[in-house]
N, C-alpha and C. Protein backbone atom coordinates (compact mmCIF):
# COMPACT_ATOMS: atom_id res chain seq x y z
N THR A 1 70.66 83.67 72.67
CA THR A 1 71.19 82.96 73.82
C THR A 1 70.08 82.68 74.83
N GLN A 2 69.26 83.70 75.09
CA GLN A 2 68.16 83.52 76.03
C GLN A 2 67.16 82.47 75.54
N LEU A 3 66.91 82.45 74.23
CA LEU A 3 65.99 81.46 73.67
C LEU A 3 66.55 80.05 73.85
N CYS A 4 67.84 79.90 73.65
CA CYS A 4 68.47 78.58 73.85
C CYS A 4 68.37 78.14 75.30
N ILE A 5 68.64 79.05 76.21
CA ILE A 5 68.55 78.73 77.64
C ILE A 5 67.12 78.35 78.01
N HIS A 6 66.18 79.14 77.54
CA HIS A 6 64.77 78.84 77.81
C HIS A 6 64.39 77.47 77.27
N THR A 7 64.80 77.18 76.06
CA THR A 7 64.48 75.89 75.44
C THR A 7 65.08 74.75 76.23
N LEU A 8 66.33 74.87 76.62
CA LEU A 8 66.97 73.81 77.40
C LEU A 8 66.28 73.61 78.75
N ARG A 9 65.96 74.70 79.42
CA ARG A 9 65.32 74.58 80.73
C ARG A 9 63.91 73.99 80.62
N LYS A 10 63.21 74.36 79.58
CA LYS A 10 61.80 73.96 79.46
C LYS A 10 61.65 72.55 78.89
N TYR A 11 62.48 72.18 77.92
CA TYR A 11 62.22 70.96 77.17
C TYR A 11 63.30 69.89 77.27
N ALA A 12 64.47 70.24 77.70
CA ALA A 12 65.54 69.23 77.77
C ALA A 12 65.45 68.46 79.08
N LYS A 13 65.92 67.25 79.07
CA LYS A 13 65.92 66.43 80.28
C LYS A 13 67.30 66.48 80.92
N ILE A 14 67.71 67.70 81.23
CA ILE A 14 68.97 67.90 81.93
C ILE A 14 68.70 68.77 83.15
N SER A 15 69.58 68.69 84.09
CA SER A 15 69.41 69.56 85.26
C SER A 15 70.63 70.46 85.37
N PHE A 16 70.38 71.67 85.74
CA PHE A 16 71.45 72.64 85.91
C PHE A 16 71.91 72.61 87.36
N ARG A 17 73.19 72.73 87.53
CA ARG A 17 73.75 72.76 88.87
C ARG A 17 73.34 74.07 89.52
N GLU A 18 72.72 73.98 90.66
CA GLU A 18 72.29 75.17 91.37
C GLU A 18 73.41 75.64 92.30
N ILE A 19 73.75 76.89 92.18
CA ILE A 19 74.74 77.50 93.04
C ILE A 19 74.00 78.15 94.20
N PRO A 20 74.37 77.81 95.43
CA PRO A 20 73.65 78.42 96.55
C PRO A 20 73.81 79.92 96.56
N LYS A 21 72.69 80.61 96.73
CA LYS A 21 72.73 82.07 96.71
C LYS A 21 73.03 82.64 98.08
N ASP A 22 72.79 81.86 99.10
CA ASP A 22 73.00 82.34 100.46
C ASP A 22 73.99 81.44 101.18
N GLY A 23 74.93 82.05 101.86
CA GLY A 23 75.82 81.31 102.73
C GLY A 23 76.70 80.30 102.03
N LEU A 24 77.33 79.49 102.82
CA LEU A 24 78.23 78.45 102.35
C LEU A 24 77.53 77.10 102.44
N SER A 25 77.95 76.16 101.63
CA SER A 25 77.40 74.82 101.75
C SER A 25 77.94 74.19 103.04
N ARG A 26 77.33 73.10 103.45
CA ARG A 26 77.76 72.42 104.68
C ARG A 26 79.23 72.01 104.59
N ASN A 27 79.63 71.49 103.44
CA ASN A 27 81.01 71.06 103.25
C ASN A 27 81.97 72.25 103.28
N GLN A 28 81.61 73.33 102.61
CA GLN A 28 82.45 74.53 102.61
C GLN A 28 82.60 75.09 104.02
N LYS A 29 81.51 75.09 104.76
CA LYS A 29 81.54 75.58 106.13
C LYS A 29 82.51 74.76 106.98
N LYS A 30 82.45 73.45 106.87
CA LYS A 30 83.33 72.58 107.64
C LYS A 30 84.79 72.80 107.26
N ILE A 31 85.05 72.93 105.97
CA ILE A 31 86.42 73.14 105.51
C ILE A 31 86.98 74.44 106.07
N VAL A 32 86.20 75.51 106.00
CA VAL A 32 86.67 76.82 106.47
C VAL A 32 86.88 76.81 107.98
N LEU A 33 85.94 76.25 108.73
CA LEU A 33 86.08 76.22 110.19
C LEU A 33 87.30 75.40 110.62
N ASP A 34 87.51 74.27 109.96
CA ASP A 34 88.69 73.45 110.27
C ASP A 34 89.98 74.18 109.94
N TYR A 35 89.99 74.85 108.80
CA TYR A 35 91.19 75.58 108.39
C TYR A 35 91.49 76.71 109.38
N ILE A 36 90.47 77.45 109.78
CA ILE A 36 90.67 78.54 110.74
C ILE A 36 91.19 77.99 112.06
N ALA A 37 90.60 76.91 112.54
CA ALA A 37 91.02 76.32 113.81
C ALA A 37 92.47 75.85 113.76
N CYS A 38 92.89 75.28 112.66
CA CYS A 38 94.26 74.76 112.54
C CYS A 38 95.29 75.86 112.33
N HIS A 39 94.89 76.98 111.76
CA HIS A 39 95.84 78.03 111.41
C HIS A 39 95.58 79.33 112.18
N LEU A 40 94.95 79.24 113.32
CA LEU A 40 94.57 80.43 114.08
C LEU A 40 95.79 81.22 114.55
N ASP A 41 96.89 80.54 114.77
CA ASP A 41 98.09 81.22 115.28
C ASP A 41 98.88 81.92 114.17
N LYS A 42 98.45 81.78 112.94
CA LYS A 42 99.14 82.41 111.81
C LYS A 42 98.28 83.55 111.25
N ALA A 43 98.89 84.38 110.44
CA ALA A 43 98.15 85.45 109.76
C ALA A 43 97.27 84.80 108.68
N LEU A 44 95.98 84.97 108.80
CA LEU A 44 95.04 84.39 107.84
C LEU A 44 94.58 85.47 106.87
N LYS A 45 94.71 85.20 105.61
CA LYS A 45 94.27 86.13 104.58
C LYS A 45 92.98 85.60 103.96
N ILE A 46 92.15 86.52 103.54
CA ILE A 46 90.86 86.13 102.98
C ILE A 46 91.04 85.31 101.70
N ASP A 47 92.11 85.59 100.95
CA ASP A 47 92.38 84.82 99.74
C ASP A 47 92.65 83.35 100.07
N GLU A 48 93.36 83.10 101.18
CA GLU A 48 93.64 81.73 101.60
C GLU A 48 92.34 81.00 101.94
N LEU A 49 91.51 81.67 102.71
CA LEU A 49 90.24 81.05 103.11
C LEU A 49 89.36 80.78 101.90
N ALA A 50 89.30 81.75 101.00
CA ALA A 50 88.47 81.60 99.80
C ALA A 50 88.98 80.46 98.92
N SER A 51 90.29 80.33 98.81
CA SER A 51 90.83 79.27 97.95
C SER A 51 90.55 77.88 98.53
N GLN A 52 90.38 77.78 99.83
CA GLN A 52 90.07 76.49 100.45
C GLN A 52 88.73 75.94 99.98
N VAL A 53 87.80 76.83 99.66
CA VAL A 53 86.47 76.40 99.23
C VAL A 53 86.18 76.72 97.77
N GLY A 54 87.19 77.18 97.04
CA GLY A 54 87.05 77.40 95.60
C GLY A 54 86.19 78.59 95.22
N LEU A 55 86.24 79.65 96.01
CA LEU A 55 85.49 80.86 95.69
C LEU A 55 86.44 82.03 95.56
N SER A 56 85.98 83.08 94.89
CA SER A 56 86.77 84.31 94.87
C SER A 56 86.67 84.96 96.24
N ALA A 57 87.61 85.84 96.53
CA ALA A 57 87.63 86.50 97.84
C ALA A 57 86.33 87.27 98.07
N TYR A 58 85.84 87.94 97.04
CA TYR A 58 84.60 88.72 97.17
C TYR A 58 83.41 87.82 97.51
N HIS A 59 83.21 86.76 96.73
CA HIS A 59 82.08 85.87 96.96
C HIS A 59 82.20 85.14 98.30
N PHE A 60 83.42 84.76 98.63
CA PHE A 60 83.62 84.10 99.91
C PHE A 60 83.23 85.02 101.06
N ALA A 61 83.71 86.27 101.03
CA ALA A 61 83.42 87.21 102.12
C ALA A 61 81.91 87.45 102.24
N ARG A 62 81.25 87.57 101.12
CA ARG A 62 79.80 87.81 101.13
C ARG A 62 79.05 86.60 101.69
N ARG A 63 79.40 85.41 101.23
CA ARG A 63 78.73 84.21 101.71
C ARG A 63 79.07 83.91 103.17
N PHE A 64 80.30 84.18 103.56
CA PHE A 64 80.70 83.96 104.94
C PHE A 64 79.88 84.83 105.88
N LYS A 65 79.70 86.08 105.51
CA LYS A 65 78.92 86.99 106.36
C LYS A 65 77.47 86.55 106.46
N VAL A 66 76.91 86.07 105.37
CA VAL A 66 75.54 85.55 105.40
C VAL A 66 75.46 84.34 106.33
N GLU A 67 76.45 83.47 106.25
CA GLU A 67 76.45 82.23 107.03
C GLU A 67 76.65 82.47 108.52
N PHE A 68 77.60 83.33 108.88
CA PHE A 68 77.99 83.49 110.28
C PHE A 68 77.56 84.81 110.91
N GLY A 69 77.10 85.75 110.10
CA GLY A 69 76.63 87.02 110.64
C GLY A 69 77.71 88.05 110.89
N VAL A 70 78.95 87.69 110.68
CA VAL A 70 80.08 88.62 110.83
C VAL A 70 81.05 88.39 109.68
N PRO A 71 81.84 89.40 109.33
CA PRO A 71 82.84 89.20 108.28
C PRO A 71 83.91 88.21 108.74
N PRO A 72 84.66 87.63 107.80
CA PRO A 72 85.69 86.66 108.18
C PRO A 72 86.70 87.19 109.19
N HIS A 73 87.13 88.43 109.03
CA HIS A 73 88.12 88.99 109.95
C HIS A 73 87.57 89.05 111.38
N GLY A 74 86.33 89.48 111.52
CA GLY A 74 85.71 89.54 112.84
C GLY A 74 85.55 88.16 113.46
N PHE A 75 85.21 87.18 112.63
CA PHE A 75 85.06 85.81 113.11
C PHE A 75 86.39 85.27 113.62
N VAL A 76 87.45 85.51 112.86
CA VAL A 76 88.78 85.04 113.26
C VAL A 76 89.21 85.72 114.56
N LEU A 77 88.97 87.02 114.68
CA LEU A 77 89.31 87.71 115.93
C LEU A 77 88.53 87.14 117.11
N ASP A 78 87.26 86.83 116.91
CA ASP A 78 86.47 86.22 117.98
C ASP A 78 87.06 84.87 118.41
N ARG A 79 87.46 84.05 117.44
CA ARG A 79 88.07 82.76 117.77
C ARG A 79 89.39 82.95 118.52
N ARG A 80 90.17 83.95 118.11
CA ARG A 80 91.44 84.21 118.79
C ARG A 80 91.22 84.66 120.23
N VAL A 81 90.24 85.50 120.43
CA VAL A 81 89.92 85.96 121.79
C VAL A 81 89.45 84.78 122.64
N GLU A 82 88.64 83.90 122.08
CA GLU A 82 88.18 82.72 122.83
C GLU A 82 89.35 81.83 123.22
N ARG A 83 90.27 81.64 122.29
CA ARG A 83 91.45 80.82 122.60
C ARG A 83 92.29 81.49 123.68
N ALA A 84 92.44 82.81 123.60
CA ALA A 84 93.22 83.54 124.61
C ALA A 84 92.55 83.42 125.98
N LYS A 85 91.22 83.51 126.03
CA LYS A 85 90.51 83.36 127.29
C LYS A 85 90.77 81.99 127.89
N GLY A 86 90.75 80.98 127.06
CA GLY A 86 91.02 79.62 127.54
C GLY A 86 92.43 79.47 128.07
N LEU A 87 93.40 80.03 127.36
CA LEU A 87 94.78 79.93 127.81
C LEU A 87 95.02 80.73 129.09
N MET A 88 94.37 81.88 129.21
CA MET A 88 94.54 82.69 130.42
C MET A 88 93.93 81.99 131.63
N GLY A 89 92.85 81.28 131.43
CA GLY A 89 92.19 80.60 132.54
C GLY A 89 92.85 79.30 132.93
N ASN A 90 93.51 78.63 131.97
CA ASN A 90 94.04 77.29 132.23
C ASN A 90 95.55 77.23 132.40
N THR A 91 96.25 78.27 132.01
CA THR A 91 97.71 78.24 132.11
C THR A 91 98.20 79.49 132.83
N GLY A 92 99.43 79.43 133.25
CA GLY A 92 100.05 80.59 133.87
C GLY A 92 101.00 81.30 132.91
N ASP A 93 100.81 81.05 131.61
CA ASP A 93 101.69 81.65 130.60
C ASP A 93 101.60 83.17 130.64
N ARG A 94 102.67 83.80 130.23
CA ARG A 94 102.69 85.26 130.14
C ARG A 94 101.79 85.71 128.99
N LEU A 95 101.24 86.90 129.14
CA LEU A 95 100.34 87.43 128.11
C LEU A 95 101.04 87.57 126.77
N LYS A 96 102.32 87.86 126.80
CA LYS A 96 103.08 88.00 125.56
C LYS A 96 103.08 86.69 124.76
N SER A 97 103.29 85.57 125.45
CA SER A 97 103.32 84.29 124.74
C SER A 97 101.90 83.85 124.35
N ILE A 98 100.91 84.19 125.16
CA ILE A 98 99.52 83.88 124.80
C ILE A 98 99.13 84.64 123.54
N ALA A 99 99.54 85.90 123.46
CA ALA A 99 99.23 86.71 122.28
C ALA A 99 99.79 86.06 121.02
N VAL A 100 101.03 85.62 121.07
CA VAL A 100 101.66 84.99 119.91
C VAL A 100 100.99 83.66 119.59
N ASP A 101 100.66 82.87 120.62
CA ASP A 101 100.01 81.57 120.40
C ASP A 101 98.63 81.71 119.77
N CYS A 102 97.98 82.83 120.00
CA CYS A 102 96.63 83.05 119.47
C CYS A 102 96.62 83.79 118.14
N GLY A 103 97.78 84.16 117.63
CA GLY A 103 97.84 84.79 116.32
C GLY A 103 97.83 86.31 116.33
N PHE A 104 97.94 86.92 117.51
CA PHE A 104 98.03 88.37 117.57
C PHE A 104 99.47 88.78 117.31
N SER A 105 99.67 89.97 116.76
CA SER A 105 101.02 90.40 116.42
C SER A 105 101.87 90.66 117.65
N ASP A 106 101.25 91.16 118.72
CA ASP A 106 101.97 91.39 119.97
C ASP A 106 100.96 91.53 121.11
N GLN A 107 101.48 91.75 122.32
CA GLN A 107 100.61 91.82 123.49
C GLN A 107 99.67 93.02 123.43
N SER A 108 100.11 94.14 122.90
CA SER A 108 99.24 95.31 122.84
C SER A 108 98.08 95.09 121.88
N HIS A 109 98.33 94.35 120.79
CA HIS A 109 97.25 94.02 119.87
C HIS A 109 96.22 93.14 120.57
N LEU A 110 96.69 92.15 121.31
CA LEU A 110 95.79 91.30 122.09
C LEU A 110 94.98 92.14 123.06
N THR A 111 95.63 93.05 123.77
CA THR A 111 94.95 93.88 124.77
C THR A 111 93.87 94.74 124.13
N ARG A 112 94.18 95.38 123.00
CA ARG A 112 93.19 96.24 122.32
C ARG A 112 91.97 95.44 121.87
N VAL A 113 92.22 94.33 121.20
CA VAL A 113 91.11 93.53 120.68
C VAL A 113 90.32 92.90 121.83
N PHE A 114 91.02 92.40 122.82
CA PHE A 114 90.38 91.75 123.96
C PHE A 114 89.47 92.73 124.70
N LYS A 115 89.97 93.93 124.97
CA LYS A 115 89.17 94.93 125.68
C LYS A 115 87.95 95.33 124.87
N LYS A 116 88.11 95.46 123.58
CA LYS A 116 86.99 95.85 122.71
C LYS A 116 85.91 94.77 122.69
N ARG A 117 86.30 93.51 122.68
CA ARG A 117 85.34 92.42 122.54
C ARG A 117 84.81 91.89 123.87
N VAL A 118 85.62 91.93 124.93
CA VAL A 118 85.22 91.37 126.21
C VAL A 118 84.82 92.45 127.21
N GLY A 119 85.40 93.64 127.06
CA GLY A 119 85.11 94.72 127.99
C GLY A 119 86.09 94.80 129.14
N LEU A 120 87.04 93.91 129.18
CA LEU A 120 88.09 93.88 130.20
C LEU A 120 89.43 93.74 129.53
N THR A 121 90.48 94.19 130.19
CA THR A 121 91.82 93.92 129.68
C THR A 121 92.15 92.47 130.01
N PRO A 122 93.10 91.87 129.32
CA PRO A 122 93.47 90.50 129.64
C PRO A 122 93.90 90.30 131.09
N GLY A 123 94.63 91.29 131.64
CA GLY A 123 95.05 91.19 133.03
C GLY A 123 93.86 91.17 133.98
N GLU A 124 92.88 92.05 133.75
CA GLU A 124 91.67 92.08 134.57
C GLU A 124 90.90 90.77 134.45
N PHE A 125 90.80 90.26 133.23
CA PHE A 125 90.10 89.01 133.00
C PHE A 125 90.78 87.88 133.77
N ARG A 126 92.10 87.82 133.70
CA ARG A 126 92.84 86.77 134.39
C ARG A 126 92.65 86.85 135.90
N ARG A 127 92.67 88.04 136.44
CA ARG A 127 92.49 88.21 137.88
C ARG A 127 91.09 87.77 138.32
N ARG A 128 90.09 88.01 137.50
CA ARG A 128 88.71 87.64 137.84
C ARG A 128 88.43 86.15 137.69
N SER A 129 89.18 85.50 136.83
CA SER A 129 88.89 84.07 136.59
C SER A 129 89.80 83.14 137.35
């Protein structure tokens, strides 16, 4: 098998499709970012994200982390916190409804994640902004 591969690579006039070893392709990146943005208010599973770009969950998670520097779950939480910050600053909606709009299971989940990532509770953040 190795001899056949060597012969084809060395002497045949064909090209092998190169699979990127690092990160996602530009097209895959755009597809994933668009999908996350459109479905941020829903529970996102890694299998869903991986199927959008035609990768297994394992390979997707590995390439995603190389591309963005954080695992998919952390990236999604960051996007949810950013959306919550925007809603808290621009609307007078209750924190409970903001939590649901941003894809958190409830207000306490929003508060825990928000405090961990921002350093303030949502109420403190709202009062300061």
